[in-house]
């Protein structure tokens, strides 16, 4: 017999969701991030290759994005920015 009990949900008290899962999409943060990328590279394609898709998988994951933010000097709302880039919240 399968039921949800209070003991089954104890993990929720300890669980800390990744910041982008609870963030509000932030258009201003995205604009600032894009501006920083273009300040370092002449095109978004060059910025993508240099900062966001270093392994050439044609994908950028949350951790890769945070690394890119640090590398370009972005100190704004990374989670809100990411929400606009990751529309399905897959990270």
Protein backbone atom coordinates (compact mmCIF):
# COMPACT_ATOMS: atom_id res chain seq x y z
CA UNK A 1 0.00 0.00 0.00
CA UNK A 2 1.45 3.33 -1.05
CA UNK A 3 0.59 6.46 0.90
CA UNK A 4 2.24 9.74 1.56
CA UNK A 5 3.00 10.19 5.22
CA UNK A 6 4.60 12.98 7.20
CA UNK A 7 7.79 10.91 7.38
CA UNK A 8 7.81 10.62 3.59
CA UNK A 9 8.01 14.40 3.30
CA UNK A 10 10.81 15.06 5.77
CA UNK A 11 13.21 15.62 2.88
CA UNK A 12 11.29 18.78 1.97
CA UNK A 13 12.46 20.44 5.17
CA UNK A 14 16.08 19.98 4.10
CA UNK A 15 15.69 20.46 0.34
CA UNK A 16 17.08 23.70 -1.07
CA UNK A 17 15.93 24.27 -4.65
CA UNK A 18 18.36 25.74 -7.14
CA UNK A 19 17.91 29.53 -7.13
CA UNK A 20 16.52 29.73 -10.66
CA UNK A 21 13.58 27.48 -9.73
CA UNK A 22 12.08 30.15 -7.49
CA UNK A 23 13.34 33.26 -9.31
CA UNK A 24 11.24 35.76 -11.21
CA UNK A 25 12.39 36.32 -14.81
CA UNK A 26 14.39 39.55 -14.92
CA UNK A 27 14.62 41.35 -18.27
CA UNK A 28 16.91 44.05 -16.92
CA UNK A 29 19.38 41.44 -15.65
CA UNK A 30 19.37 39.74 -19.05
CA UNK A 31 20.03 43.05 -20.80
CA UNK A 32 22.97 43.75 -18.46
CA UNK A 33 24.40 40.27 -19.01
CA UNK A 34 24.13 40.63 -22.79
CA UNK A 35 25.83 44.02 -22.62
CA UNK A 36 28.74 42.50 -20.70
CA UNK A 37 29.03 39.67 -23.22
CA UNK A 38 29.14 42.07 -26.14
CA UNK A 39 31.68 44.20 -24.28
CA UNK A 40 34.01 41.20 -24.26
CA UNK A 41 33.17 39.66 -27.64
CA UNK A 42 32.06 41.23 -30.88
CA UNK A 43 29.13 38.87 -31.40
CA UNK A 44 26.82 36.73 -29.29
CA UNK A 45 28.06 33.68 -31.20
CA UNK A 46 31.62 34.39 -30.13
CA UNK A 47 30.46 35.01 -26.55
CA UNK A 48 28.48 31.75 -26.60
CA UNK A 49 31.53 29.78 -27.65
CA UNK A 50 33.95 31.54 -25.33
CA UNK A 51 31.91 31.79 -22.15
CA UNK A 52 28.78 29.64 -22.24
CA UNK A 53 29.45 26.49 -24.28
CA UNK A 54 33.08 25.74 -23.54
CA UNK A 55 32.61 22.00 -24.22
CA UNK A 56 30.93 22.46 -27.62
CA UNK A 57 27.77 20.57 -26.62
CA UNK A 58 25.51 23.34 -27.99
CA UNK A 59 23.98 23.56 -24.52
CA UNK A 60 24.54 25.67 -21.47
CA UNK A 61 23.59 24.41 -18.04
CA UNK A 62 22.99 26.40 -14.85
CA UNK A 63 26.50 25.78 -13.53
CA UNK A 64 28.04 26.82 -16.86
CA UNK A 65 25.96 29.97 -16.81
CA UNK A 66 27.09 30.89 -13.29
CA UNK A 67 30.70 30.39 -14.38
CA UNK A 68 30.10 32.62 -17.41
CA UNK A 69 28.56 35.28 -15.15
CA UNK A 70 31.66 35.31 -12.95
CA UNK A 71 34.01 35.36 -15.93
CA UNK A 72 32.36 38.39 -17.55
CA UNK A 73 31.93 40.23 -14.23
CA UNK A 74 28.14 39.98 -14.00
CA UNK A 75 27.03 40.50 -10.41
CA UNK A 76 23.33 41.04 -11.07
CA UNK A 77 20.35 38.72 -10.72
CA UNK A 78 21.78 35.58 -12.34
CA UNK A 79 18.79 33.44 -11.44
CA UNK A 80 16.30 35.93 -12.89
CA UNK A 81 18.41 36.27 -16.01
CA UNK A 82 18.65 32.49 -16.37
CA UNK A 83 14.87 32.12 -16.14
CA UNK A 84 14.55 34.06 -19.40
CA UNK A 85 17.19 31.89 -21.06
CA UNK A 86 15.93 28.56 -19.71
CA UNK A 87 12.23 28.71 -20.52
CA UNK A 88 11.52 25.10 -19.51
CA UNK A 89 13.40 25.38 -16.17
CA UNK A 90 15.50 22.31 -16.91
CA UNK A 91 18.68 23.99 -15.72
